PDB file of N, CA and C in Angstrom:
ATOM      1  N   MET A   1     -26.957 -17.636  18.206  1.00  0.00           N
ATOM      2  CA  MET A   1     -25.554 -17.989  18.078  1.00  0.00           C
ATOM      3  C   MET A   1     -25.068 -17.576  16.678  1.00  0.00           C
ATOM      4  N   PRO A   2     -23.973 -16.798  16.599  1.00  0.00           N
ATOM      5  CA  PRO A   2     -23.477 -16.342  15.289  1.00  0.00           C
ATOM      6  C   PRO A   2     -22.954 -17.513  14.466  1.00  0.00           C
ATOM      7  N   ARG A   3     -23.147 -17.403  13.161  1.00  0.00           N
ATOM      8  CA  ARG A   3     -22.657 -18.440  12.249  1.00  0.00           C
ATOM      9  C   ARG A   3     -21.164 -18.275  12.045  1.00  0.00           C
ATOM     10  N   ARG A   4     -20.490 -19.374  11.954  1.00  0.00           N
ATOM     11  CA  ARG A   4     -19.051 -19.353  11.688  1.00  0.00           C
ATOM     12  C   ARG A   4     -18.813 -19.534  10.204  1.00  0.00           C
ATOM     13  N   LYS A   5     -17.872 -18.806   9.696  1.00  0.00           N
ATOM     14  CA  LYS A   5     -17.516 -18.902   8.289  1.00  0.00           C
ATOM     15  C   LYS A   5     -16.681 -20.169   8.072  1.00  0.00           C
ATOM     16  N   ALA A   6     -16.934 -20.862   6.983  1.00  0.00           N
ATOM     17  CA  ALA A   6     -16.185 -22.078   6.669  1.00  0.00           C
ATOM     18  C   ALA A   6     -14.730 -21.735   6.371  1.00  0.00           C
ATOM     19  N   LYS A   7     -13.840 -22.611   6.792  1.00  0.00           N
ATOM     20  CA  LYS A   7     -12.423 -22.411   6.478  1.00  0.00           C
ATOM     21  C   LYS A   7     -12.205 -22.662   4.991  1.00  0.00           C
ATOM     22  N   GLN A   8     -11.137 -22.067   4.478  1.00  0.00           N
ATOM     23  CA  GLN A   8     -10.795 -22.230   3.063  1.00  0.00           C
ATOM     24  C   GLN A   8      -9.346 -22.672   2.955  1.00  0.00           C
ATOM     25  N   VAL A   9      -8.992 -23.220   1.815  1.00  0.00           N
ATOM     26  CA  VAL A   9      -7.612 -23.636   1.573  1.00  0.00           C
ATOM     27  C   VAL A   9      -6.757 -22.381   1.388  1.00  0.00           C
ATOM     28  N   CYS A  10      -5.569 -22.395   1.953  1.00  0.00           N
ATOM     29  CA  CYS A  10      -4.618 -21.290   1.816  1.00  0.00           C
ATOM     30  C   CYS A  10      -4.415 -20.982   0.331  1.00  0.00           C
ATOM     31  N   PRO A  11      -4.442 -19.685  -0.059  1.00  0.00           N
ATOM     32  CA  PRO A  11      -4.290 -19.345  -1.475  1.00  0.00           C
ATOM     33  C   PRO A  11      -2.867 -19.478  -2.024  1.00  0.00           C
ATOM     34  N   THR A  12      -1.900 -19.801  -1.175  1.00  0.00           N
ATOM     35  CA  THR A  12      -0.535 -19.986  -1.644  1.00  0.00           C
ATOM     36  C   THR A  12      -0.472 -21.275  -2.462  1.00  0.00           C
ATOM     37  N   PRO A  13       0.005 -21.197  -3.701  1.00  0.00           N
ATOM     38  CA  PRO A  13       0.054 -22.402  -4.540  1.00  0.00           C
ATOM     39  C   PRO A  13       0.769 -23.565  -3.844  1.00  0.00           C
ATOM     40  N   GLY A  14       0.114 -24.712  -3.835  1.00  0.00           N
ATOM     41  CA  GLY A  14       0.692 -25.924  -3.266  1.00  0.00           C
ATOM     42  C   GLY A  14       0.493 -26.087  -1.771  1.00  0.00           C
ATOM     43  N   CYS A  15      -0.038 -25.095  -1.086  1.00  0.00           N
ATOM     44  CA  CYS A  15      -0.235 -25.190   0.363  1.00  0.00           C
ATOM     45  C   CYS A  15      -1.607 -25.801   0.649  1.00  0.00           C
ATOM     46  N   PRO A  16      -1.654 -26.903   1.406  1.00  0.00           N
ATOM     47  CA  PRO A  16      -2.937 -27.557   1.701  1.00  0.00           C
ATOM     48  C   PRO A  16      -3.595 -27.074   2.995  1.00  0.00           C
ATOM     49  N   ASN A  17      -2.964 -26.161   3.732  1.00  0.00           N
ATOM     50  CA  ASN A  17      -3.492 -25.738   5.033  1.00  0.00           C
ATOM     51  C   ASN A  17      -4.828 -25.021   4.888  1.00  0.00           C
ATOM     52  N   LEU A  18      -5.674 -25.199   5.905  1.00  0.00           N
ATOM     53  CA  LEU A  18      -6.945 -24.478   5.962  1.00  0.00           C
ATOM     54  C   LEU A  18      -6.755 -23.216   6.786  1.00  0.00           C
ATOM     55  N   THR A  19      -7.462 -22.166   6.399  1.00  0.00           N
ATOM     56  CA  THR A  19      -7.322 -20.874   7.057  1.00  0.00           C
ATOM     57  C   THR A  19      -8.668 -20.159   7.076  1.00  0.00           C
ATOM     58  N   ASP A  20      -8.840 -19.234   8.006  1.00  0.00           N
ATOM     59  CA  ASP A  20     -10.084 -18.458   8.074  1.00  0.00           C
ATOM     60  C   ASP A  20     -10.195 -17.514   6.879  1.00  0.00           C
ATOM     61  N   SER A  21      -9.076 -16.896   6.501  1.00  0.00           N
ATOM     62  CA  SER A  21      -9.037 -16.018   5.334  1.00  0.00           C
ATOM     63  C   SER A  21      -7.593 -15.716   5.004  1.00  0.00           C
ATOM     64  N   GLY A  22      -7.300 -15.551   3.732  1.00  0.00           N
ATOM     65  CA  GLY A  22      -5.949 -15.215   3.297  1.00  0.00           C
ATOM     66  C   GLY A  22      -4.974 -16.344   3.513  1.00  0.00           C
ATOM     67  N   PRO A  23      -3.686 -16.046   3.353  1.00  0.00           N
ATOM     68  CA  PRO A  23      -2.663 -17.075   3.541  1.00  0.00           C
ATOM     69  C   PRO A  23      -2.602 -17.559   4.991  1.00  0.00           C
ATOM     70  N   CYS A  24      -2.201 -18.807   5.164  1.00  0.00           N
ATOM     71  CA  CYS A  24      -2.047 -19.368   6.506  1.00  0.00           C
ATOM     72  C   CYS A  24      -0.831 -18.728   7.182  1.00  0.00           C
ATOM     73  N   PRO A  25      -0.732 -18.798   8.515  1.00  0.00           N
ATOM     74  CA  PRO A  25       0.398 -18.173   9.209  1.00  0.00           C
ATOM     75  C   PRO A  25       1.782 -18.607   8.710  1.00  0.00           C
ATOM     76  N   PRO A  26       2.039 -19.907   8.449  1.00  0.00           N
ATOM     77  CA  PRO A  26       3.368 -20.261   7.939  1.00  0.00           C
ATOM     78  C   PRO A  26       3.670 -19.619   6.575  1.00  0.00           C
ATOM     79  N   CYS A  27       2.664 -19.536   5.699  1.00  0.00           N
ATOM     80  CA  CYS A  27       2.883 -18.911   4.389  1.00  0.00           C
ATOM     81  C   CYS A  27       3.082 -17.408   4.525  1.00  0.00           C
ATOM     82  N   GLN A  28       2.386 -16.776   5.472  1.00  0.00           N
ATOM     83  CA  GLN A  28       2.586 -15.344   5.716  1.00  0.00           C
ATOM     84  C   GLN A  28       4.009 -15.089   6.185  1.00  0.00           C
ATOM     85  N   THR A  29       4.496 -15.919   7.099  1.00  0.00           N
ATOM     86  CA  THR A  29       5.855 -15.773   7.616  1.00  0.00           C
ATOM     87  C   THR A  29       6.879 -15.945   6.497  1.00  0.00           C
ATOM     88  N   GLN A  30       6.666 -16.946   5.653  1.00  0.00           N
ATOM     89  CA  GLN A  30       7.584 -17.197   4.540  1.00  0.00           C
ATOM     90  C   GLN A  30       7.570 -16.028   3.549  1.00  0.00           C
ATOM     91  N   ALA A  31       6.399 -15.471   3.273  1.00  0.00           N
ATOM     92  CA  ALA A  31       6.292 -14.349   2.338  1.00  0.00           C
ATOM     93  C   ALA A  31       6.993 -13.113   2.893  1.00  0.00           C
ATOM     94  N   ARG A  32       6.822 -12.854   4.210  1.00  0.00           N
ATOM     95  CA  ARG A  32       7.489 -11.699   4.826  1.00  0.00           C
ATOM     96  C   ARG A  32       9.008 -11.844   4.754  1.00  0.00           C
ATOM     97  N   ALA A  33       9.501 -13.063   5.011  1.00  0.00           N
ATOM     98  CA  ALA A  33      10.952 -13.293   5.002  1.00  0.00           C
ATOM     99  C   ALA A  33      11.528 -13.140   3.591  1.00  0.00           C
ATOM    100  N   ALA A  34      10.747 -13.485   2.562  1.00  0.00           N
ATOM    101  CA  ALA A  34      11.228 -13.427   1.183  1.00  0.00           C
ATOM    102  C   ALA A  34      11.151 -12.017   0.590  1.00  0.00           C
ATOM    103  N   ARG A  35      10.361 -11.141   1.197  1.00  0.00           N
ATOM    104  CA  ARG A  35      10.183  -9.801   0.637  1.00  0.00           C
ATOM    105  C   ARG A  35      11.418  -8.943   0.900  1.00  0.00           C
ATOM    106  N   PRO A  36      11.902  -8.251  -0.132  1.00  0.00           N
ATOM    107  CA  PRO A  36      13.069  -7.377   0.077  1.00  0.00           C
ATOM    108  C   PRO A  36      12.749  -6.258   1.076  1.00  0.00           C
ATOM    109  N   THR A  37      13.773  -5.748   1.709  1.00  0.00           N
ATOM    110  CA  THR A  37      13.592  -4.656   2.666  1.00  0.00           C
ATOM    111  C   THR A  37      13.125  -3.403   1.916  1.00  0.00           C
ATOM    112  N   PRO A  38      12.501  -2.457   2.624  1.00  0.00           N
ATOM    113  CA  PRO A  38      12.109  -1.204   1.965  1.00  0.00           C
ATOM    114  C   PRO A  38      13.289  -0.531   1.263  1.00  0.00           C
ATOM    115  N   HIS A  39      14.453  -0.561   1.877  1.00  0.00           N
ATOM    116  CA  HIS A  39      15.628   0.065   1.270  1.00  0.00           C
ATOM    117  C   HIS A  39      15.951  -0.586  -0.079  1.00  0.00           C
ATOM    118  N   ARG A  40      15.881  -1.910  -0.145  1.00  0.00           N
ATOM    119  CA  ARG A  40      16.157  -2.618  -1.409  1.00  0.00           C
ATOM    120  C   ARG A  40      15.055  -2.385  -2.441  1.00  0.00           C
ATOM    121  N   ARG A  41      13.865  -1.999  -1.985  1.00  0.00           N
ATOM    122  CA  ARG A  41      12.772  -1.692  -2.913  1.00  0.00           C
ATOM    123  C   ARG A  41      12.823  -0.225  -3.361  1.00  0.00           C
ATOM    124  N   GLY A  42      13.863   0.510  -2.922  1.00  0.00           N
ATOM    125  CA  GLY A  42      14.059   1.881  -3.378  1.00  0.00           C
ATOM    126  C   GLY A  42      13.626   2.959  -2.407  1.00  0.00           C
ATOM    127  N   TYR A  43      13.116   2.566  -1.264  1.00  0.00           N
ATOM    128  CA  TYR A  43      12.668   3.560  -0.279  1.00  0.00           C
ATOM    129  C   TYR A  43      13.852   3.936   0.616  1.00  0.00           C
ATOM    130  N   ASP A  44      14.789   4.648   0.034  1.00  0.00           N
ATOM    131  CA  ASP A  44      16.018   5.034   0.705  1.00  0.00           C
ATOM    132  C   ASP A  44      16.004   6.527   1.046  1.00  0.00           C
ATOM    133  N   ARG A  45      17.157   7.072   1.390  1.00  0.00           N
ATOM    134  CA  ARG A  45      17.255   8.481   1.766  1.00  0.00           C
ATOM    135  C   ARG A  45      16.780   9.397   0.636  1.00  0.00           C
ATOM    136  N   ARG A  46      17.138   9.058  -0.592  1.00  0.00           N
ATOM    137  CA  ARG A  46      16.714   9.893  -1.731  1.00  0.00           C
ATOM    138  C   ARG A  46      15.189   9.944  -1.801  1.00  0.00           C
ATOM    139  N   TRP A  47      14.518   8.794  -1.623  1.00  0.00           N
ATOM    140  CA  TRP A  47      13.061   8.772  -1.661  1.00  0.00           C
ATOM    141  C   TRP A  47      12.470   9.537  -0.481  1.00  0.00           C
ATOM    142  N   ARG A  48      13.018   9.328   0.714  1.00  0.00           N
ATOM    143  CA  ARG A  48      12.480  10.015   1.895  1.00  0.00           C
ATOM    144  C   ARG A  48      12.571  11.531   1.732  1.00  0.00           C
ATOM    145  N   THR A  49      13.683  12.017   1.170  1.00  0.00           N
ATOM    146  CA  THR A  49      13.842  13.457   0.945  1.00  0.00           C
ATOM    147  C   THR A  49      12.840  13.960  -0.085  1.00  0.00           C
ATOM    148  N   ALA A  50      12.718  13.260  -1.208  1.00  0.00           N
ATOM    149  CA  ALA A  50      11.796  13.678  -2.273  1.00  0.00           C
ATOM    150  C   ALA A  50      10.348  13.640  -1.796  1.00  0.00           C
ATOM    151  N   SER A  51       9.968  12.595  -1.078  1.00  0.00           N
ATOM    152  CA  SER A  51       8.573  12.495  -0.629  1.00  0.00           C
ATOM    153  C   SER A  51       8.255  13.537   0.445  1.00  0.00           C
ATOM    154  N   ALA A  52       9.221  13.836   1.319  1.00  0.00           N
ATOM    155  CA  ALA A  52       8.995  14.870   2.337  1.00  0.00           C
ATOM    156  C   ALA A  52       8.765  16.232   1.681  1.00  0.00           C
ATOM    157  N   ARG A  53       9.542  16.523   0.657  1.00  0.00           N
ATOM    158  CA  ARG A  53       9.347  17.794  -0.067  1.00  0.00           C
ATOM    159  C   ARG A  53       7.986  17.821  -0.757  1.00  0.00           C
ATOM    160  N   TYR A  54       7.583  16.709  -1.332  1.00  0.00           N
ATOM    161  CA  TYR A  54       6.280  16.645  -2.008  1.00  0.00           C
ATOM    162  C   TYR A  54       5.157  16.887  -0.996  1.00  0.00           C
ATOM    163  N   LEU A  55       5.265  16.288   0.183  1.00  0.00           N
ATOM    164  CA  LEU A  55       4.222  16.461   1.202  1.00  0.00           C
ATOM    165  C   LEU A  55       4.159  17.895   1.721  1.00  0.00           C
ATOM    166  N   GLU A  56       5.272  18.604   1.698  1.00  0.00           N
ATOM    167  CA  GLU A  56       5.251  20.019   2.095  1.00  0.00           C
ATOM    168  C   GLU A  56       4.353  20.821   1.154  1.00  0.00           C
ATOM    169  N   ASP A  57       4.399  20.488  -0.124  1.00  0.00           N
ATOM    170  CA  ASP A  57       3.596  21.194  -1.131  1.00  0.00           C
ATOM    171  C   ASP A  57       2.196  20.615  -1.303  1.00  0.00           C
ATOM    172  N   HIS A  58       1.977  19.395  -0.828  1.00  0.00           N
ATOM    173  CA  HIS A  58       0.690  18.700  -0.974  1.00  0.00           C
ATOM    174  C   HIS A  58       0.298  18.114   0.388  1.00  0.00           C
ATOM    175  N   PRO A  59      -0.155  18.955   1.320  1.00  0.00           N
ATOM    176  CA  PRO A  59      -0.400  18.483   2.685  1.00  0.00           C
ATOM    177  C   PRO A  59      -1.687  17.677   2.886  1.00  0.00           C
ATOM    178  N   TYR A  60      -2.577  17.662   1.891  1.00  0.00           N
ATOM    179  CA  TYR A  60      -3.853  16.962   2.050  1.00  0.00           C
ATOM    180  C   TYR A  60      -3.958  15.789   1.091  1.00  0.00           C
ATOM    181  N   CYS A  61      -4.701  14.776   1.516  1.00  0.00           N
ATOM    182  CA  CYS A  61      -4.875  13.558   0.732  1.00  0.00           C
ATOM    183  C   CYS A  61      -5.441  13.886  -0.647  1.00  0.00           C
ATOM    184  N   GLU A  62      -4.838  13.286  -1.667  1.00  0.00           N
ATOM    185  CA  GLU A  62      -5.243  13.520  -3.048  1.00  0.00           C
ATOM    186  C   GLU A  62      -5.889  12.283  -3.679  1.00  0.00           C
ATOM    187  N   CYS A  63      -6.303  11.323  -2.856  1.00  0.00           N
ATOM    188  CA  CYS A  63      -6.906  10.106  -3.396  1.00  0.00           C
ATOM    189  C   CYS A  63      -8.228  10.433  -4.093  1.00  0.00           C
ATOM    190  N   HIS A  64      -8.738   9.464  -4.817  1.00  0.00           N
ATOM    191  CA  HIS A  64      -9.976   9.655  -5.579  1.00  0.00           C
ATOM    192  C   HIS A  64     -11.127  10.104  -4.662  1.00  0.00           C
ATOM    193  N   GLU A  65     -11.225   9.484  -3.506  1.00  0.00           N
ATOM    194  CA  GLU A  65     -12.308   9.814  -2.563  1.00  0.00           C
ATOM    195  C   GLU A  65     -12.180  11.240  -2.037  1.00  0.00           C
ATOM    196  N   CYS A  66     -10.987  11.649  -1.692  1.00  0.00           N
ATOM    197  CA  CYS A  66     -10.778  12.972  -1.104  1.00  0.00           C
ATOM    198  C   CYS A  66     -10.745  14.098  -2.133  1.00  0.00           C
ATOM    199  N   SER A  67     -10.415  13.789  -3.368  1.00  0.00           N
ATOM    200  CA  SER A  67     -10.262  14.848  -4.369  1.00  0.00           C
ATOM    201  C   SER A  67     -11.560  15.610  -4.618  1.00  0.00           C
ATOM    202  N   ALA A  68     -12.693  15.022  -4.267  1.00  0.00           N
ATOM    203  CA  ALA A  68     -13.982  15.702  -4.445  1.00  0.00           C
ATOM    204  C   ALA A  68     -14.287  16.670  -3.292  1.00  0.00           C
ATOM    205  N   LEU A  69     -13.479  16.606  -2.219  1.00  0.00           N
ATOM    206  CA  LEU A  69     -13.716  17.446  -1.038  1.00  0.00           C
ATOM    207  C   LEU A  69     -12.861  18.704  -1.076  1.00  0.00           C
ATOM    208  N   LEU A  70     -13.282  19.702  -0.320  1.00  0.00           N
ATOM    209  CA  LEU A  70     -12.448  20.892  -0.133  1.00  0.00           C
ATOM    210  C   LEU A  70     -11.193  20.488   0.644  1.00  0.00           C
ATOM    211  N   PRO A  71     -10.057  21.151   0.420  1.00  0.00           N
ATOM    212  CA  PRO A  71      -8.822  20.734   1.094  1.00  0.00           C
ATOM    213  C   PRO A  71      -8.941  20.550   2.603  1.00  0.00           C
ATOM    214  N   LEU A  72      -9.600  21.464   3.290  1.00  0.00           N
ATOM    215  CA  LEU A  72      -9.678  21.343   4.750  1.00  0.00           C
ATOM    216  C   LEU A  72     -10.620  20.236   5.213  1.00  0.00           C
ATOM    217  N   GLN A  73     -11.371  19.630   4.305  1.00  0.00           N
ATOM    218  CA  GLN A  73     -12.230  18.492   4.642  1.00  0.00           C
ATOM    219  C   GLN A  73     -11.514  17.158   4.409  1.00  0.00           C
ATOM    220  N   ARG A  74     -10.371  17.216   3.780  1.00  0.00           N
ATOM    221  CA  ARG A  74      -9.613  16.006   3.463  1.00  0.00           C
ATOM    222  C   ARG A  74      -8.762  15.561   4.647  1.00  0.00           C
ATOM    223  N   ASP A  75      -8.364  14.300   4.630  1.00  0.00           N
ATOM    224  CA  ASP A  75      -7.393  13.802   5.602  1.00  0.00           C
ATOM    225  C   ASP A  75      -6.047  14.469   5.333  1.00  0.00           C
ATOM    226  N   LEU A  76      -5.239  14.600   6.373  1.00  0.00           N
ATOM    227  CA  LEU A  76      -3.872  15.071   6.178  1.00  0.00           C
ATOM    228  C   LEU A  76      -3.066  13.963   5.511  1.00  0.00           C
ATOM    229  N   ALA A  77      -2.249  14.329   4.566  1.00  0.00           N
ATOM    230  CA  ALA A  77      -1.405  13.365   3.867  1.00  0.00           C
ATOM    231  C   ALA A  77      -0.147  13.092   4.685  1.00  0.00           C
ATOM    232  N   THR A  78       0.204  11.835   4.784  1.00  0.00           N
ATOM    233  CA  THR A  78       1.419  11.443   5.493  1.00  0.00           C
ATOM    234  C   THR A  78       2.316  10.558   4.635  1.00  0.00           C
ATOM    235  N   GLN A  79       1.806  10.144   3.465  1.00  0.00           N
ATOM    236  CA  GLN A  79       2.562   9.249   2.595  1.00  0.00           C
ATOM    237  C   GLN A  79       2.421   9.704   1.146  1.00  0.00           C
ATOM    238  N   VAL A  80       3.412   9.359   0.340  1.00  0.00           N
ATOM    239  CA  VAL A  80       3.352   9.653  -1.091  1.00  0.00           C
ATOM    240  C   VAL A  80       3.190   8.331  -1.830  1.00  0.00           C
ATOM    241  N   ASP A  81       2.147   8.269  -2.640  1.00  0.00           N
ATOM    242  CA  ASP A  81       1.811   7.063  -3.393  1.00  0.00           C
ATOM    243  C   ASP A  81       2.319   7.172  -4.823  1.00  0.00           C
ATOM    244  N   HIS A  82       2.811   6.068  -5.350  1.00  0.00           N
ATOM    245  CA  HIS A  82       3.154   5.990  -6.776  1.00  0.00           C
ATOM    246  C   HIS A  82       1.889   5.544  -7.498  1.00  0.00           C
ATOM    247  N   ILE A  83       1.340   6.404  -8.327  1.00  0.00           N
ATOM    248  CA  ILE A  83       0.086   6.127  -9.014  1.00  0.00           C
ATOM    249  C   ILE A  83       0.189   4.849  -9.840  1.00  0.00           C
ATOM    250  N   ASP A  84       1.338   4.634 -10.497  1.00  0.00           N
ATOM    251  CA  ASP A  84       1.491   3.436 -11.318  1.00  0.00           C
ATOM    252  C   ASP A  84       1.726   2.172 -10.484  1.00  0.00           C
ATOM    253  N   GLY A  85       1.938   2.318  -9.178  1.00  0.00           N
ATOM    254  CA  GLY A  85       2.105   1.183  -8.282  1.00  0.00           C
ATOM    255  C   GLY A  85       3.465   0.510  -8.347  1.00  0.00           C
ATOM    256  N   LEU A  86       4.429   1.093  -9.049  1.00  0.00           N
ATOM    257  CA  LEU A  86       5.727   0.447  -9.223  1.00  0.00           C
ATOM    258  C   LEU A  86       6.792   0.913  -8.240  1.00  0.00           C
ATOM    259  N   GLY A  87       6.502   1.928  -7.450  1.00  0.00           N
ATOM    260  CA  GLY A  87       7.452   2.395  -6.445  1.00  0.00           C
ATOM    261  C   GLY A  87       8.621   3.157  -7.030  1.00  0.00           C
ATOM    262  N   PRO A  88       9.591   3.507  -6.180  1.00  0.00           N
ATOM    263  CA  PRO A  88      10.708   4.332  -6.618  1.00  0.00           C
ATOM    264  C   PRO A  88      11.619   3.673  -7.644  1.00  0.00           C
ATOM    265  N   LEU A  89      11.599   2.367  -7.760  1.00  0.00           N
ATOM    266  CA  LEU A  89      12.464   1.699  -8.733  1.00  0.00           C
ATOM    267  C   LEU A  89      11.804   1.564 -10.102  1.00  0.00           C
ATOM    268  N   GLY A  90      10.539   1.953 -10.209  1.00  0.00           N
ATOM    269  CA  GLY A  90       9.844   1.911 -11.490  1.00  0.00           C
ATOM    270  C   GLY A  90      10.363   2.996 -12.418  1.00  0.00           C
ATOM    271  N   PRO A  91       9.993   2.928 -13.694  1.00  0.00           N
ATOM    272  CA  PRO A  91      10.494   3.909 -14.656  1.00  0.00           C
ATOM    273  C   PRO A  91      10.088   5.347 -14.336  1.00  0.00           C
ATOM    274  N   ARG A  92       8.990   5.518 -13.591  1.00  0.00           N
ATOM    275  CA  ARG A  92       8.553   6.867 -13.219  1.00  0.00           C
ATOM    276  C   ARG A  92       8.626   7.059 -11.698  1.00  0.00           C
ATOM    277  N   GLY A  93       9.529   6.341 -11.051  1.00  0.00           N
ATOM    278  CA  GLY A  93       9.643   6.369  -9.595  1.00  0.00           C
ATOM    279  C   GLY A  93       9.899   7.731  -8.996  1.00  0.00           C
ATOM    280  N   PHE A  94      10.638   8.587  -9.701  1.00  0.00           N
ATOM    281  CA  PHE A  94      10.942   9.918  -9.186  1.00  0.00           C
ATOM    282  C   PHE A  94      10.318  11.016 -10.040  1.00  0.00           C
ATOM    283  N   ASP A  95       9.252  10.678 -10.711  1.00  0.00           N
ATOM    284  CA  ASP A  95       8.493  11.629 -11.521  1.00  0.00           C
ATOM    285  C   ASP A  95       7.300  12.114 -10.690  1.00  0.00           C
ATOM    286  N   PRO A  96       7.303  13.374 -10.236  1.00  0.00           N
ATOM    287  CA  PRO A  96       6.207  13.871  -9.392  1.00  0.00           C
ATOM    288  C   PRO A  96       4.824  13.802 -10.047  1.00  0.00           C
ATOM    289  N   THR A  97       4.759  13.711 -11.372  1.00  0.00           N
ATOM    290  CA  THR A  97       3.438  13.563 -12.006  1.00  0.00           C
ATOM    291  C   THR A  97       2.880  12.153 -11.790  1.00  0.00           C
ATOM    292  N   ASN A  98       3.701  11.244 -11.259  1.00  0.00           N
ATOM    293  CA  ASN A  98       3.287   9.879 -10.945  1.00  0.00           C
ATOM    294  C   ASN A  98       3.032   9.712  -9.443  1.00  0.00           C
ATOM    295  N   TRP A  99       2.993  10.790  -8.705  1.00  0.00           N
ATOM    296  CA  TRP A  99       2.812  10.740  -7.258  1.00  0.00           C
ATOM    297  C   TRP A  99       1.477  11.343  -6.863  1.00  0.00           C
ATOM    298  N   GLN A 100       0.986  10.897  -5.715  1.00  0.00           N
ATOM    299  CA  GLN A 100      -0.142  11.574  -5.079  1.00  0.00           C
ATOM    300  C   GLN A 100       0.042  11.458  -3.570  1.00  0.00           C
ATOM    301  N   ALA A 101      -0.236  12.559  -2.892  1.00  0.00           N
ATOM    302  CA  ALA A 101      -0.166  12.578  -1.437  1.00  0.00           C
ATOM    303  C   ALA A 101      -1.385  11.835  -0.907  1.00  0.00           C
ATOM    304  N   MET A 102      -1.184  11.010   0.114  1.00  0.00           N
ATOM    305  CA  MET A 102      -2.300  10.244   0.659  1.00  0.00           C
ATOM    306  C   MET A 102      -2.186  10.108   2.169  1.00  0.00           C
ATOM    307  N   SER A 103      -3.342   9.953   2.796  1.00  0.00           N
ATOM    308  CA  SER A 103      -3.353   9.614   4.223  1.00  0.00           C
ATOM    309  C   SER A 103      -2.935   8.152   4.337  1.00  0.00           C
ATOM    310  N   ALA A 104      -2.474   7.757   5.496  1.00  0.00           N
ATOM    311  CA  ALA A 104      -2.029   6.377   5.692  1.00  0.00           C
ATOM    312  C   ALA A 104      -3.173   5.394   5.443  1.00  0.00           C
ATOM    313  N   ARG A 105      -4.375   5.715   5.934  1.00  0.00           N
ATOM    314  CA  ARG A 105      -5.482   4.761   5.770  1.00  0.00           C
ATOM    315  C   ARG A 105      -5.906   4.621   4.322  1.00  0.00           C
ATOM    316  N   HIS A 106      -5.891   5.715   3.558  1.00  0.00           N
ATOM    317  CA  HIS A 106      -6.273   5.627   2.151  1.00  0.00           C
ATOM    318  C   HIS A 106      -5.180   4.939   1.323  1.00  0.00           C
ATOM    319  N   HIS A 107      -3.924   5.180   1.678  1.00  0.00           N
ATOM    320  CA  HIS A 107      -2.827   4.514   0.971  1.00  0.00           C
ATOM    321  C   HIS A 107      -2.847   3.009   1.248  1.00  0.00           C
ATOM    322  N   SER A 108      -3.103   2.628   2.495  1.00  0.00           N
ATOM    323  CA  SER A 108      -3.181   1.209   2.841  1.00  0.00           C
ATOM    324  C   SER A 108      -4.324   0.529   2.094  1.00  0.00           C
ATOM    325  N   ARG A 109      -5.456   1.214   2.021  1.00  0.00           N
ATOM    326  CA  ARG A 109      -6.607   0.645   1.314  1.00  0.00           C
ATOM    327  C   ARG A 109      -6.291   0.466  -0.174  1.00  0.00           C
ATOM    328  N   LYS A 110      -5.677   1.478  -0.791  1.00  0.00           N
ATOM    329  CA  LYS A 110      -5.325   1.386  -2.213  1.00  0.00           C
ATOM    330  C   LYS A 110      -4.344   0.242  -2.450  1.00  0.00           C
ATOM    331  N   THR A 111      -3.344   0.133  -1.587  1.00  0.00           N
ATOM    332  CA  THR A 111      -2.351  -0.933  -1.722  1.00  0.00           C
ATOM    333  C   THR A 111      -3.003  -2.308  -1.572  1.00  0.00           C
ATOM    334  N   ALA A 112      -3.913  -2.456  -0.603  1.00  0.00           N
ATOM    335  CA  ALA A 112      -4.593  -3.747  -0.402  1.00  0.00           C
ATOM    336  C   ALA A 112      -5.419  -4.118  -1.636  1.00  0.00           C
ATOM    337  N   ILE A 113      -6.107  -3.150  -2.204  1.00  0.00           N
ATOM    338  CA  ILE A 113      -6.921  -3.427  -3.393  1.00  0.00           C
ATOM    339  C   ILE A 113      -6.018  -3.842  -4.566  1.00  0.00           C
ATOM    340  N   GLU A 114      -4.928  -3.113  -4.768  1.00  0.00           N
ATOM    341  CA  GLU A 114      -4.024  -3.415  -5.878  1.00  0.00           C
ATOM    342  C   GLU A 114      -3.285  -4.740  -5.670  1.00  0.00           C
ATOM    343  N   THR A 115      -2.960  -5.045  -4.424  1.00  0.00           N
ATOM    344  CA  THR A 115      -2.170  -6.242  -4.136  1.00  0.00           C
ATOM    345  C   THR A 115      -3.034  -7.492  -3.995  1.00  0.00           C
ATOM    346  N   PHE A 116      -4.125  -7.350  -3.241  1.00  0.00           N
ATOM    347  CA  PHE A 116      -4.933  -8.523  -2.903  1.00  0.00           C
ATOM    348  C   PHE A 116      -6.301  -8.536  -3.547  1.00  0.00           C
ATOM    349  N   GLY A 117      -6.658  -7.455  -4.231  1.00  0.00           N
ATOM    350  CA  GLY A 117      -7.956  -7.395  -4.903  1.00  0.00           C
ATOM    351  C   GLY A 117      -9.125  -7.098  -4.002  1.00  0.00           C
ATOM    352  N   HIS A 118      -8.855  -6.634  -2.768  1.00  0.00           N
ATOM    353  CA  HIS A 118      -9.966  -6.234  -1.870  1.00  0.00           C
ATOM    354  C   HIS A 118      -9.517  -5.257  -0.825  1.00  0.00           C
TER     355      HIS A 118
END
């Protein structure tokens, strides 16, 4: 019989709920509702145009893991990452030297590590 992992207290400050991992469902819902829309975070038409042009010139993933591979061995890039993690509203939001083309899975992994530490 597989062992079950002990529940933990929700990491949201002041929340006493127990959860299997991460924030409890009510705290997740509250966090999603409080987060600004992508458009308000700067991911508007100007960003979509700039990132599409960047991907035309950088069709393969440029993440740390893929950069050691030959281009045709890399994942296809579908997203443009802000290296500084500040997005289009940051001071270098539209500076191509602050961008890297990434596959969706590598970009999601990088974002999870930067946001949640894992």
